[in-house]
Amino acid sequence: MPALTRLAISATPSLAFSSSQKCTAKLQILPSNLIKFPLNFKPPQTPKLSIKAKSSSSSNPSIVNDASASSAPDSLKSRLKNGETLYGIFLLSFSPTIAEIAGLSGYDFAVVDMEHGPGGITDALHCLRALSATRTPAILRLPESSPTWAKKALDLGPQGIMFPMIESPKMARKAVSYCRFPPDGIRGSAHTVARASDYGIDEGYLSNYAEELLIMCQVESEEGAKKAEEISAVDGVDCVQMGPLDLSASMGYLWDPGHKKVREMMRVSEKGVLKGGAYLGGFAMPHDGPIDLKTRGYHMVSGTVDVGLFRRAAVDDVRKFKVSLIQGSDDEAEDGKDGDEKYWSE
């Protein structure tokens, strides 16, 4: 019996006939050479590379390849507990396509930014679905620290939530309470139908949600920076995210985030966060790159913003073309083409 016939009969026992029955249905059997793809196809996953903290027995950080891990990737909190330094991207465009590309590129996490991006909850949901398809953890940054925004964001099921402009331990405790169901907090409950619990299918959600959620508080003002250690010590605060641009503005150096006084305040705050016990997160800047942040003890480093990446690529593309017009030849551009450019010009 041909293989496809055996497969069809074994997979649908209700269609099998006994010897006493007469089968009048016609079974169409396709030639086996028409089958050109595996039946259980799974799209390839881009391995995510991250840096583990230096051990006493090694002078170089080790590289961890998630492709060799189990089918369920470790959560952000578990990876941080394992000593990894995570590298991520901020998404301000609210484009699901860009979010998907970011996830496939291998970032350890992506922050969907509702504070400075134009999108709201519905737009964020589309990005979360795109990131989920690439198995990339999503963090939602809220427009403001409020129970309403926190409730709507958490019901979408991100792995992390980021509260902006936290300036005191009291504000940090309130932020944590927005993430906890009563009696531990004031989060409204719709866990039986929310996406966070797989629309109620995940029966273990209430038992695990607090342990799996990464709560991040942003310190981005001079007042907050002075209280960074106290904020970091608040029970439930997992990570303190430094905000160098808003900090420099609050200190009177809006146009100079690399000013000496701003850098000094940043160093004081960073030491306070580490002493308080929370993980330290932050943005890479032109004067303060990702490796610099890791060297100072940062556990989560956000290296770029999707809008900024596209802006630089677009401006550079236009510049190259206009330079070629002035030179009257694009020979130099031809020599410097990368693989993508050569593909599109063929």
C-alpha atoms as a PDB file:
ATOM      1  CA  MET A   1       0.000   0.000   0.000  1.00  0.00           C
ATOM      2  CA  PRO A   2       1.411   3.438  -0.913  1.00  0.00           C
ATOM      3  CA  ALA A   3       2.727   5.447   2.011  1.00  0.00           C
ATOM      4  CA  LEU A   4       0.195   8.263   1.628  1.00  0.00           C
ATOM      5  CA  THR A   5      -2.686   5.758   1.624  1.00  0.00           C
ATOM      6  CA  ARG A   6      -1.481   4.189   4.869  1.00  0.00           C
ATOM      7  CA  LEU A   7      -1.084   7.677   6.398  1.00  0.00           C
ATOM      8  CA  ALA A   8      -4.603   8.741   5.412  1.00  0.00           C
ATOM      9  CA  ILE A   9      -6.239   5.581   6.809  1.00  0.00           C
ATOM     10  CA  SER A  10      -4.258   5.550  10.067  1.00  0.00           C
ATOM     11  CA  ALA A  11      -4.884   9.243  10.660  1.00  0.00           C
ATOM     12  CA  THR A  12      -8.667   8.904  10.148  1.00  0.00           C
ATOM     13  CA  PRO A  13      -9.821   5.595  11.657  1.00  0.00           C
ATOM     14  CA  SER A  14     -13.457   6.569  11.173  1.00  0.00           C
ATOM     15  CA  LEU A  15     -12.954   6.178   7.420  1.00  0.00           C
ATOM     16  CA  ALA A  16     -11.661   2.577   7.615  1.00  0.00           C
ATOM     17  CA  PHE A  17     -14.109  -0.041   6.299  1.00  0.00           C
ATOM     18  CA  SER A  18     -14.527  -3.643   7.387  1.00  0.00           C
ATOM     19  CA  SER A  19     -14.434  -6.444   4.833  1.00  0.00           C
ATOM     20  CA  SER A  20     -18.218  -6.703   4.875  1.00  0.00           C
ATOM     21  CA  GLN A  21     -18.728  -3.071   3.979  1.00  0.00           C
ATOM     22  CA  LYS A  22     -18.706  -1.674   0.491  1.00  0.00           C
ATOM     23  CA  CYS A  23     -16.721   1.497  -0.052  1.00  0.00           C
ATOM     24  CA  THR A  24     -18.174   3.758  -2.743  1.00  0.00           C
ATOM     25  CA  ALA A  25     -15.999   6.805  -2.061  1.00  0.00           C
ATOM     26  CA  LYS A  26     -13.171   7.567  -4.438  1.00  0.00           C
ATOM     27  CA  LEU A  27      -9.748   8.040  -2.880  1.00  0.00           C
ATOM     28  CA  GLN A  28      -7.363  10.214  -4.872  1.00  0.00           C
ATOM     29  CA  ILE A  29      -3.731   9.271  -4.294  1.00  0.00           C
ATOM     30  CA  LEU A  30      -1.077  11.779  -5.190  1.00  0.00           C
ATOM     31  CA  PRO A  31       2.277  10.544  -6.459  1.00  0.00           C
ATOM     32  CA  SER A  32       4.860  10.644  -3.696  1.00  0.00           C
ATOM     33  CA  ASN A  33       7.259  12.643  -5.854  1.00  0.00           C
ATOM     34  CA  LEU A  34       4.926  15.661  -5.627  1.00  0.00           C
ATOM     35  CA  ILE A  35       5.634  16.035  -1.925  1.00  0.00           C
ATOM     36  CA  LYS A  36       8.509  18.481  -1.782  1.00  0.00           C
ATOM     37  CA  PHE A  37       8.313  19.723   1.827  1.00  0.00           C
ATOM     38  CA  PRO A  38       8.329  18.166   5.311  1.00  0.00           C
ATOM     39  CA  LEU A  39       4.911  17.723   6.894  1.00  0.00           C
ATOM     40  CA  ASN A  40       5.995  19.178  10.236  1.00  0.00           C
ATOM     41  CA  PHE A  41       7.676  22.336   9.024  1.00  0.00           C
ATOM     42  CA  LYS A  42       8.955  24.844  11.549  1.00  0.00           C
ATOM     43  CA  PRO A  43      10.579  28.141  10.519  1.00  0.00           C
ATOM     44  CA  PRO A  44      14.250  28.449  11.445  1.00  0.00           C
ATOM     45  CA  GLN A  45      15.000  30.467  14.554  1.00  0.00           C
ATOM     46  CA  THR A  46      17.784  33.002  14.732  1.00  0.00           C
ATOM     47  CA  PRO A  47      20.032  32.052  17.668  1.00  0.00           C
ATOM     48  CA  LYS A  48      20.096  34.772  20.298  1.00  0.00           C
ATOM     49  CA  LEU A  49      23.561  35.499  21.588  1.00  0.00           C
ATOM     50  CA  SER A  50      24.060  37.083  24.977  1.00  0.00           C
ATOM     51  CA  ILE A  51      26.968  37.777  27.264  1.00  0.00           C
ATOM     52  CA  LYS A  52      27.314  36.033  30.593  1.00  0.00           C
ATOM     53  CA  ALA A  53      29.032  37.699  33.491  1.00  0.00           C
ATOM     54  CA  LYS A  54      32.701  36.930  33.997  1.00  0.00           C
ATOM     55  CA  SER A  55      33.403  34.035  36.330  1.00  0.00           C
ATOM     56  CA  SER A  56      36.363  33.757  38.642  1.00  0.00           C
ATOM     57  CA  SER A  57      37.866  31.066  36.427  1.00  0.00           C
ATOM     58  CA  SER A  58      37.672  32.955  33.149  1.00  0.00           C
ATOM     59  CA  SER A  59      38.965  36.295  31.961  1.00  0.00           C
ATOM     60  CA  ASN A  60      36.547  36.501  29.038  1.00  0.00           C
ATOM     61  CA  PRO A  61      32.741  36.559  29.033  1.00  0.00           C
ATOM     62  CA  SER A  62      31.176  33.439  27.593  1.00  0.00           C
ATOM     63  CA  ILE A  63      28.703  33.405  24.745  1.00  0.00           C
ATOM     64  CA  VAL A  64      25.388  31.649  25.282  1.00  0.00           C
ATOM     65  CA  ASN A  65      23.540  30.282  22.269  1.00  0.00           C
ATOM     66  CA  ASP A  66      19.812  29.885  22.844  1.00  0.00           C
ATOM     67  CA  ALA A  67      19.467  27.585  19.847  1.00  0.00           C
ATOM     68  CA  SER A  68      20.754  24.732  21.983  1.00  0.00           C
ATOM     69  CA  ALA A  69      18.319  25.462  24.774  1.00  0.00           C
ATOM     70  CA  SER A  70      14.943  23.845  25.294  1.00  0.00           C
ATOM     71  CA  SER A  71      11.956  24.716  23.147  1.00  0.00           C
ATOM     72  CA  ALA A  72      10.652  27.181  25.742  1.00  0.00           C
ATOM     73  CA  PRO A  73      13.122  30.082  26.034  1.00  0.00           C
ATOM     74  CA  ASP A  74      14.100  31.291  29.473  1.00  0.00           C
ATOM     75  CA  SER A  75      12.333  34.379  30.761  1.00  0.00           C
ATOM     76  CA  LEU A  76      14.132  37.704  31.109  1.00  0.00           C
ATOM     77  CA  LYS A  77      14.147  37.379  34.885  1.00  0.00           C
ATOM     78  CA  SER A  78      15.639  33.900  34.816  1.00  0.00           C
ATOM     79  CA  ARG A  79      18.356  35.014  32.379  1.00  0.00           C
ATOM     80  CA  LEU A  80      19.205  37.980  34.573  1.00  0.00           C
ATOM     81  CA  LYS A  81      19.411  35.699  37.585  1.00  0.00           C
ATOM     82  CA  ASN A  82      21.847  33.544  35.602  1.00  0.00           C
ATOM     83  CA  GLY A  83      24.169  36.525  35.258  1.00  0.00           C
ATOM     84  CA  GLU A  84      23.572  37.381  31.609  1.00  0.00           C
ATOM     85  CA  THR A  85      23.862  40.889  30.192  1.00  0.00           C
ATOM     86  CA  LEU A  86      20.916  41.400  27.852  1.00  0.00           C
ATOM     87  CA  TYR A  87      20.939  43.606  24.766  1.00  0.00           C
ATOM     88  CA  GLY A  88      17.746  45.141  23.412  1.00  0.00           C
ATOM     89  CA  ILE A  89      16.077  47.664  21.150  1.00  0.00           C
ATOM     90  CA  PHE A  90      13.400  50.327  21.630  1.00  0.00           C
ATOM     91  CA  LEU A  91      10.506  50.314  19.177  1.00  0.00           C
ATOM     92  CA  LEU A  92       8.896  53.710  18.572  1.00  0.00           C
ATOM     93  CA  SER A  93       7.503  53.173  15.083  1.00  0.00           C
ATOM     94  CA  PHE A  94       4.830  50.703  16.226  1.00  0.00           C
ATOM     95  CA  SER A  95       5.383  48.803  13.003  1.00  0.00           C
ATOM     96  CA  PRO A  96       4.732  45.060  13.435  1.00  0.00           C
ATOM     97  CA  THR A  97       7.042  44.417  10.486  1.00  0.00           C
ATOM     98  CA  ILE A  98       9.919  46.294  12.129  1.00  0.00           C
ATOM     99  CA  ALA A  99       9.154  44.518  15.408  1.00  0.00           C
ATOM    100  CA  GLU A 100       9.326  41.163  13.638  1.00  0.00           C
ATOM    101  CA  ILE A 101      12.629  42.053  11.970  1.00  0.00           C
ATOM    102  CA  ALA A 102      14.026  43.154  15.338  1.00  0.00           C
ATOM    103  CA  GLY A 103      13.037  39.843  16.875  1.00  0.00           C
ATOM    104  CA  LEU A 104      14.501  37.818  14.027  1.00  0.00           C
ATOM    105  CA  SER A 105      17.729  39.825  14.252  1.00  0.00           C
ATOM    106  CA  GLY A 106      18.465  38.324  17.659  1.00  0.00           C
ATOM    107  CA  TYR A 107      17.817  41.078  20.207  1.00  0.00           C
ATOM    108  CA  ASP A 108      17.317  39.686  23.708  1.00  0.00           C
ATOM    109  CA  PHE A 109      14.330  41.964  24.306  1.00  0.00           C
ATOM    110  CA  ALA A 110      12.355  44.761  22.674  1.00  0.00           C
ATOM    111  CA  VAL A 111      10.763  47.708  24.451  1.00  0.00           C
ATOM    112  CA  VAL A 112       7.535  48.866  22.828  1.00  0.00           C
ATOM    113  CA  ASP A 113       7.535  52.534  23.804  1.00  0.00           C
ATOM    114  CA  MET A 114       4.104  53.994  24.466  1.00  0.00           C
ATOM    115  CA  GLU A 115       5.627  56.982  26.256  1.00  0.00           C
ATOM    116  CA  HIS A 116       7.316  58.567  23.234  1.00  0.00           C
ATOM    117  CA  GLY A 117       5.950  56.487  20.371  1.00  0.00           C
ATOM    118  CA  PRO A 118       2.657  57.412  18.654  1.00  0.00           C
ATOM    119  CA  GLY A 119       0.868  54.153  19.396  1.00  0.00           C
ATOM    120  CA  GLY A 120      -1.477  53.002  22.124  1.00  0.00           C
ATOM    121  CA  ILE A 121      -2.629  49.670  23.501  1.00  0.00           C
ATOM    122  CA  THR A 122      -4.038  48.300  20.242  1.00  0.00           C
ATOM    123  CA  ASP A 123      -0.893  49.245  18.312  1.00  0.00           C
ATOM    124  CA  ALA A 124       1.268  47.702  21.026  1.00  0.00           C
ATOM    125  CA  LEU A 125      -0.699  44.465  20.782  1.00  0.00           C
ATOM    126  CA  HIS A 126       0.198  44.082  17.094  1.00  0.00           C
ATOM    127  CA  CYS A 127       3.881  44.525  17.960  1.00  0.00           C
ATOM    128  CA  LEU A 128       3.656  42.021  20.800  1.00  0.00           C
ATOM    129  CA  ARG A 129       2.205  39.437  18.442  1.00  0.00           C
ATOM    130  CA  ALA A 130       4.981  40.044  15.930  1.00  0.00           C
ATOM    131  CA  LEU A 131       7.623  39.688  18.652  1.00  0.00           C
ATOM    132  CA  SER A 132       5.946  36.581  20.030  1.00  0.00           C
ATOM    133  CA  ALA A 133       6.244  34.925  16.621  1.00  0.00           C
ATOM    134  CA  THR A 134      10.036  35.356  16.901  1.00  0.00           C
ATOM    135  CA  ARG A 135      10.093  34.301  20.577  1.00  0.00           C
ATOM    136  CA  THR A 136      11.493  37.672  21.600  1.00  0.00           C
ATOM    137  CA  PRO A 137      10.415  38.986  25.029  1.00  0.00           C
ATOM    138  CA  ALA A 138       8.521  42.269  24.939  1.00  0.00           C
ATOM    139  CA  ILE A 139       8.599  45.062  27.512  1.00  0.00           C
ATOM    140  CA  LEU A 140       5.926  47.753  27.468  1.00  0.00           C
ATOM    141  CA  ARG A 141       6.914  51.284  28.501  1.00  0.00           C
ATOM    142  CA  LEU A 142       3.874  53.147  29.804  1.00  0.00           C
ATOM    143  CA  PRO A 143       2.976  56.743  28.922  1.00  0.00           C
ATOM    144  CA  GLU A 144       2.698  57.456  32.651  1.00  0.00           C
ATOM    145  CA  SER A 145       2.781  55.622  35.955  1.00  0.00           C
ATOM    146  CA  SER A 146      -0.883  54.926  36.609  1.00  0.00           C
ATOM    147  CA  PRO A 147      -3.015  51.905  37.556  1.00  0.00           C
ATOM    148  CA  THR A 148      -5.176  52.230  34.433  1.00  0.00           C
ATOM    149  CA  TRP A 149      -2.277  52.158  31.966  1.00  0.00           C
ATOM    150  CA  ALA A 150      -0.576  49.372  33.926  1.00  0.00           C
ATOM    151  CA  LYS A 151      -3.731  47.257  33.942  1.00  0.00           C
ATOM    152  CA  LYS A 152      -4.310  47.561  30.199  1.00  0.00           C
ATOM    153  CA  ALA A 153      -0.647  46.897  29.426  1.00  0.00           C
ATOM    154  CA  LEU A 154      -0.328  43.875  31.715  1.00  0.00           C
ATOM    155  CA  ASP A 155      -3.449  42.259  30.283  1.00  0.00           C
ATOM    156  CA  LEU A 156      -1.625  42.070  26.929  1.00  0.00           C
ATOM    157  CA  GLY A 157       0.932  39.723  28.499  1.00  0.00           C
ATOM    158  CA  PRO A 158       4.355  41.375  28.120  1.00  0.00           C
ATOM    159  CA  GLN A 159       7.299  39.867  29.966  1.00  0.00           C
ATOM    160  CA  GLY A 160       8.178  43.264  31.391  1.00  0.00           C
ATOM    161  CA  ILE A 161       6.636  46.614  32.192  1.00  0.00           C
ATOM    162  CA  MET A 162       8.473  49.942  32.499  1.00  0.00           C
ATOM    163  CA  PHE A 163       7.185  52.840  34.608  1.00  0.00           C
ATOM    164  CA  PRO A 164       8.511  56.298  33.621  1.00  0.00           C
ATOM    165  CA  MET A 165       9.576  59.138  35.922  1.00  0.00           C
ATOM    166  CA  ILE A 166       9.818  57.286  39.227  1.00  0.00           C
ATOM    167  CA  GLU A 167      11.270  59.804  41.670  1.00  0.00           C
ATOM    168  CA  SER A 168      10.836  58.238  45.099  1.00  0.00           C
ATOM    169  CA  PRO A 169      10.440  54.903  46.913  1.00  0.00           C
ATOM    170  CA  LYS A 170       6.777  55.766  47.433  1.00  0.00           C
ATOM    171  CA  MET A 171       6.196  56.047  43.690  1.00  0.00           C
ATOM    172  CA  ALA A 172       8.068  52.771  43.167  1.00  0.00           C
ATOM    173  CA  ARG A 173       5.879  50.968  45.714  1.00  0.00           C
ATOM    174  CA  LYS A 174       2.779  52.297  43.955  1.00  0.00           C
ATOM    175  CA  ALA A 175       4.103  51.048  40.629  1.00  0.00           C
ATOM    176  CA  VAL A 176       4.599  47.567  42.059  1.00  0.00           C
ATOM    177  CA  SER A 177       1.073  47.608  43.509  1.00  0.00           C
ATOM    178  CA  TYR A 178      -0.330  48.302  40.039  1.00  0.00           C
ATOM    179  CA  CYS A 179       1.169  44.975  38.933  1.00  0.00           C
ATOM    180  CA  ARG A 180      -0.206  42.798  41.742  1.00  0.00           C
ATOM    181  CA  PHE A 181      -3.696  41.434  42.219  1.00  0.00           C
ATOM    182  CA  PRO A 182      -5.380  42.016  45.621  1.00  0.00           C
ATOM    183  CA  PRO A 183      -4.528  41.637  48.430  1.00  0.00           C
ATOM    184  CA  ASP A 184      -0.919  42.290  47.318  1.00  0.00           C
ATOM    185  CA  GLY A 185      -1.847  45.199  45.043  1.00  0.00           C
ATOM    186  CA  ILE A 186      -4.651  46.965  43.212  1.00  0.00           C
ATOM    187  CA  ARG A 187      -4.471  45.482  39.721  1.00  0.00           C
ATOM    188  CA  GLY A 188      -7.890  44.884  38.231  1.00  0.00           C
ATOM    189  CA  SER A 189      -8.640  41.273  37.450  1.00  0.00           C
ATOM    190  CA  ALA A 190      -9.684  39.969  34.042  1.00  0.00           C
ATOM    191  CA  HIS A 191      -7.286  37.035  34.042  1.00  0.00           C
ATOM    192  CA  THR A 192      -9.946  34.608  32.842  1.00  0.00           C
ATOM    193  CA  VAL A 193     -10.139  36.306  29.435  1.00  0.00           C
ATOM    194  CA  ALA A 194      -6.970  38.416  29.075  1.00  0.00           C
ATOM    195  CA  ARG A 195      -4.192  37.636  26.613  1.00  0.00           C
ATOM    196  CA  ALA A 196      -1.721  37.475  29.506  1.00  0.00           C
ATOM    197  CA  SER A 197      -3.243  34.167  30.616  1.00  0.00           C
ATOM    198  CA  ASP A 198      -3.682  32.863  27.070  1.00  0.00           C
ATOM    199  CA  TYR A 199      -7.287  34.066  27.326  1.00  0.00           C
ATOM    200  CA  GLY A 200      -7.865  31.854  30.363  1.00  0.00           C
ATOM    201  CA  ILE A 201      -6.336  28.695  28.913  1.00  0.00           C
ATOM    202  CA  ASP A 202      -3.235  28.983  31.126  1.00  0.00           C
ATOM    203  CA  GLU A 203      -4.598  27.686  34.412  1.00  0.00           C
ATOM    204  CA  GLY A 204      -1.315  28.358  36.190  1.00  0.00           C
ATOM    205  CA  TYR A 205      -1.213  32.078  35.385  1.00  0.00           C
ATOM    206  CA  LEU A 206      -2.217  33.323  38.838  1.00  0.00           C
ATOM    207  CA  SER A 207       0.418  31.152  40.461  1.00  0.00           C
ATOM    208  CA  ASN A 208       3.259  32.321  38.196  1.00  0.00           C
ATOM    209  CA  TYR A 209       2.542  35.846  36.945  1.00  0.00           C
ATOM    210  CA  ALA A 210       4.318  37.715  39.760  1.00  0.00           C
ATOM    211  CA  GLU A 211       7.447  35.600  39.488  1.00  0.00           C
ATOM    212  CA  GLU A 212       7.684  35.916  35.697  1.00  0.00           C
ATOM    213  CA  LEU A 213       6.914  39.642  35.296  1.00  0.00           C
ATOM    214  CA  LEU A 214       9.902  42.004  35.155  1.00  0.00           C
ATOM    215  CA  ILE A 215       8.995  45.310  36.838  1.00  0.00           C
ATOM    216  CA  MET A 216      11.184  48.214  35.743  1.00  0.00           C
ATOM    217  CA  CYS A 217      11.225  51.717  37.228  1.00  0.00           C
ATOM    218  CA  GLN A 218      12.819  54.576  35.319  1.00  0.00           C
ATOM    219  CA  VAL A 219      15.046  57.023  37.159  1.00  0.00           C
ATOM    220  CA  GLU A 220      15.342  60.019  34.868  1.00  0.00           C
ATOM    221  CA  SER A 221      15.338  63.178  36.993  1.00  0.00           C
ATOM    222  CA  GLU A 222      17.788  64.723  39.417  1.00  0.00           C
ATOM    223  CA  GLU A 223      15.397  64.048  42.302  1.00  0.00           C
ATOM    224  CA  GLY A 224      14.999  60.413  41.334  1.00  0.00           C
ATOM    225  CA  ALA A 225      18.719  59.970  40.745  1.00  0.00           C
ATOM    226  CA  LYS A 226      19.451  61.087  44.294  1.00  0.00           C
ATOM    227  CA  LYS A 227      17.072  58.400  45.596  1.00  0.00           C
ATOM    228  CA  ALA A 228      18.131  55.634  43.232  1.00  0.00           C
ATOM    229  CA  GLU A 229      19.354  53.344  46.000  1.00  0.00           C
ATOM    230  CA  GLU A 230      16.076  53.623  47.916  1.00  0.00           C
ATOM    231  CA  ILE A 231      14.043  53.004  44.764  1.00  0.00           C
ATOM    232  CA  SER A 232      16.187  49.991  43.918  1.00  0.00           C
ATOM    233  CA  ALA A 233      15.587  48.517  47.383  1.00  0.00           C
ATOM    234  CA  VAL A 234      11.774  48.570  47.086  1.00  0.00           C
ATOM    235  CA  ASP A 235      10.348  45.051  47.234  1.00  0.00           C
ATOM    236  CA  GLY A 236       9.097  44.057  43.804  1.00  0.00           C
ATOM    237  CA  VAL A 237      11.281  46.439  41.796  1.00  0.00           C
ATOM    238  CA  ASP A 238      13.359  44.132  39.597  1.00  0.00           C
ATOM    239  CA  CYS A 239      15.253  46.651  37.490  1.00  0.00           C
ATOM    240  CA  VAL A 240      15.978  50.381  37.549  1.00  0.00           C
ATOM    241  CA  GLN A 241      16.282  51.915  34.095  1.00  0.00           C
ATOM    242  CA  MET A 242      18.431  55.035  33.889  1.00  0.00           C
ATOM    243  CA  GLY A 243      17.208  57.873  31.642  1.00  0.00           C
ATOM    244  CA  PRO A 244      20.183  60.072  30.689  1.00  0.00           C
ATOM    245  CA  LEU A 245      18.316  62.472  28.391  1.00  0.00           C
ATOM    246  CA  ASP A 246      15.593  63.466  30.848  1.00  0.00           C
ATOM    247  CA  LEU A 247      18.165  63.524  33.648  1.00  0.00           C
ATOM    248  CA  SER A 248      20.342  65.978  31.747  1.00  0.00           C
ATOM    249  CA  ALA A 249      17.291  68.146  31.018  1.00  0.00           C
ATOM    250  CA  SER A 250      16.285  68.214  34.696  1.00  0.00           C
ATOM    251  CA  MET A 251      19.799  69.372  35.559  1.00  0.00           C
ATOM    252  CA  GLY A 252      19.741  72.196  33.001  1.00  0.00           C
ATOM    253  CA  TYR A 253      21.816  70.470  30.311  1.00  0.00           C
ATOM    254  CA  LEU A 254      19.160  69.513  27.759  1.00  0.00           C
ATOM    255  CA  TRP A 255      21.576  69.984  24.855  1.00  0.00           C
ATOM    256  CA  ASP A 256      24.508  68.350  26.594  1.00  0.00           C
ATOM    257  CA  PRO A 257      23.652  64.917  28.084  1.00  0.00           C
ATOM    258  CA  GLY A 258      27.364  64.153  28.207  1.00  0.00           C
ATOM    259  CA  HIS A 259      28.125  67.086  30.506  1.00  0.00           C
ATOM    260  CA  LYS A 260      30.513  66.335  33.343  1.00  0.00           C
ATOM    261  CA  LYS A 261      27.908  67.035  36.037  1.00  0.00           C
ATOM    262  CA  VAL A 262      25.374  64.766  34.340  1.00  0.00           C
ATOM    263  CA  ARG A 263      27.908  61.954  34.077  1.00  0.00           C
ATOM    264  CA  GLU A 264      28.798  62.377  37.752  1.00  0.00           C
ATOM    265  CA  MET A 265      25.145  62.159  38.765  1.00  0.00           C
ATOM    266  CA  MET A 266      24.733  59.073  36.588  1.00  0.00           C
ATOM    267  CA  ARG A 267      27.665  57.353  38.313  1.00  0.00           C
ATOM    268  CA  VAL A 268      26.237  58.092  41.755  1.00  0.00           C
ATOM    269  CA  SER A 269      22.833  56.732  40.703  1.00  0.00           C
ATOM    270  CA  GLU A 270      24.287  53.620  39.090  1.00  0.00           C
ATOM    271  CA  LYS A 271      26.184  52.713  42.251  1.00  0.00           C
ATOM    272  CA  GLY A 272      23.044  53.330  44.276  1.00  0.00           C
ATOM    273  CA  VAL A 273      20.968  50.996  42.105  1.00  0.00           C
ATOM    274  CA  LEU A 274      23.522  48.206  42.370  1.00  0.00           C
ATOM    275  CA  LYS A 275      23.783  48.685  46.118  1.00  0.00           C
ATOM    276  CA  GLY A 276      19.998  48.656  46.489  1.00  0.00           C
ATOM    277  CA  GLY A 277      19.740  45.223  44.921  1.00  0.00           C
ATOM    278  CA  ALA A 278      17.864  45.762  41.642  1.00  0.00           C
ATOM    279  CA  TYR A 279      19.240  45.070  38.193  1.00  0.00           C
ATOM    280  CA  LEU A 280      20.611  48.092  36.351  1.00  0.00           C
ATOM    281  CA  GLY A 281      19.333  49.003  32.890  1.00  0.00           C
ATOM    282  CA  GLY A 282      20.056  51.889  30.564  1.00  0.00           C
ATOM    283  CA  PHE A 283      20.420  53.433  27.118  1.00  0.00           C
ATOM    284  CA  ALA A 284      23.610  53.534  25.122  1.00  0.00           C
ATOM    285  CA  MET A 285      24.603  57.054  24.061  1.00  0.00           C
ATOM    286  CA  PRO A 286      27.164  58.405  21.568  1.00  0.00           C
ATOM    287  CA  HIS A 287      29.441  59.302  24.493  1.00  0.00           C
ATOM    288  CA  ASP A 288      28.546  56.188  26.508  1.00  0.00           C
ATOM    289  CA  GLY A 289      28.399  53.023  24.406  1.00  0.00           C
ATOM    290  CA  PRO A 290      26.965  49.574  25.186  1.00  0.00           C
ATOM    291  CA  ILE A 291      30.307  48.113  26.246  1.00  0.00           C
ATOM    292  CA  ASP A 292      30.880  51.080  28.579  1.00  0.00           C
ATOM    293  CA  LEU A 293      27.544  50.384  30.250  1.00  0.00           C
ATOM    294  CA  LYS A 294      28.295  46.696  30.683  1.00  0.00           C
ATOM    295  CA  THR A 295      31.673  47.521  32.190  1.00  0.00           C
ATOM    296  CA  ARG A 296      29.945  49.626  34.866  1.00  0.00           C
ATOM    297  CA  GLY A 297      27.640  46.785  35.848  1.00  0.00           C
ATOM    298  CA  TYR A 298      24.597  47.267  33.633  1.00  0.00           C
ATOM    299  CA  HIS A 299      22.522  44.101  33.247  1.00  0.00           C
ATOM    300  CA  MET A 300      20.177  45.353  30.508  1.00  0.00           C
ATOM    301  CA  VAL A 301      21.533  47.536  27.713  1.00  0.00           C
ATOM    302  CA  SER A 302      19.305  49.175  25.110  1.00  0.00           C
ATOM    303  CA  GLY A 303      21.574  49.934  22.191  1.00  0.00           C
ATOM    304  CA  THR A 304      19.338  51.553  19.614  1.00  0.00           C
ATOM    305  CA  VAL A 305      15.881  52.767  18.548  1.00  0.00           C
ATOM    306  CA  ASP A 306      14.139  51.514  15.416  1.00  0.00           C
ATOM    307  CA  VAL A 307      13.353  55.015  14.161  1.00  0.00           C
ATOM    308  CA  GLY A 308      16.971  56.065  14.646  1.00  0.00           C
ATOM    309  CA  LEU A 309      18.241  53.026  12.771  1.00  0.00           C
ATOM    310  CA  PHE A 310      16.064  53.767   9.768  1.00  0.00           C
ATOM    311  CA  ARG A 311      16.863  57.483   9.882  1.00  0.00           C
ATOM    312  CA  ARG A 312      20.595  56.821   9.751  1.00  0.00           C
ATOM    313  CA  ALA A 313      20.221  54.289   6.939  1.00  0.00           C
ATOM    314  CA  ALA A 314      17.964  56.592   4.915  1.00  0.00           C
ATOM    315  CA  VAL A 315      20.118  59.693   5.337  1.00  0.00           C
ATOM    316  CA  ASP A 316      23.238  57.723   4.465  1.00  0.00           C
ATOM    317  CA  ASP A 317      21.556  56.235   1.390  1.00  0.00           C
ATOM    318  CA  VAL A 318      20.566  59.670   0.082  1.00  0.00           C
ATOM    319  CA  ARG A 319      24.011  61.078   0.863  1.00  0.00           C
ATOM    320  CA  LYS A 320      25.754  58.321  -1.084  1.00  0.00           C
ATOM    321  CA  PHE A 321      23.554  58.932  -4.131  1.00  0.00           C
ATOM    322  CA  LYS A 322      24.083  62.701  -4.121  1.00  0.00           C
ATOM    323  CA  VAL A 323      27.832  62.257  -3.697  1.00  0.00           C
ATOM    324  CA  SER A 324      27.848  59.934  -6.702  1.00  0.00           C
ATOM    325  CA  LEU A 325      26.082  62.633  -8.758  1.00  0.00           C
ATOM    326  CA  ILE A 326      28.725  65.181  -7.837  1.00  0.00           C
ATOM    327  CA  GLN A 327      31.535  62.758  -8.631  1.00  0.00           C
ATOM    328  CA  GLY A 328      29.852  61.750 -11.883  1.00  0.00           C
ATOM    329  CA  SER A 329      30.441  58.082 -11.231  1.00  0.00           C
ATOM    330  CA  ASP A 330      29.195  55.416  -8.873  1.00  0.00           C
ATOM    331  CA  ASP A 331      32.234  53.165  -9.287  1.00  0.00           C
ATOM    332  CA  GLU A 332      33.255  53.822  -5.703  1.00  0.00           C
ATOM    333  CA  ALA A 333      29.780  52.983  -4.488  1.00  0.00           C
ATOM    334  CA  GLU A 334      29.856  49.738  -6.494  1.00  0.00           C
ATOM    335  CA  ASP A 335      33.049  48.674  -4.765  1.00  0.00           C
ATOM    336  CA  GLY A 336      31.602  49.285  -1.333  1.00  0.00           C
ATOM    337  CA  LYS A 337      28.284  47.535  -1.786  1.00  0.00           C
ATOM    338  CA  ASP A 338      27.181  45.031   0.801  1.00  0.00           C
ATOM    339  CA  GLY A 339      25.163  41.929  -0.022  1.00  0.00           C
ATOM    340  CA  ASP A 340      21.750  43.581   0.231  1.00  0.00           C
ATOM    341  CA  GLU A 341      22.699  46.506  -2.000  1.00  0.00           C
ATOM    342  CA  LYS A 342      24.103  44.197  -4.671  1.00  0.00           C
ATOM    343  CA  TYR A 343      20.957  42.099  -4.590  1.00  0.00           C
ATOM    344  CA  TRP A 344      18.617  45.030  -5.171  1.00  0.00           C
ATOM    345  CA  SER A 345      20.725  46.440  -7.997  1.00  0.00           C
ATOM    346  CA  GLU A 346      20.796  43.192  -9.994  1.00  0.00           C
END
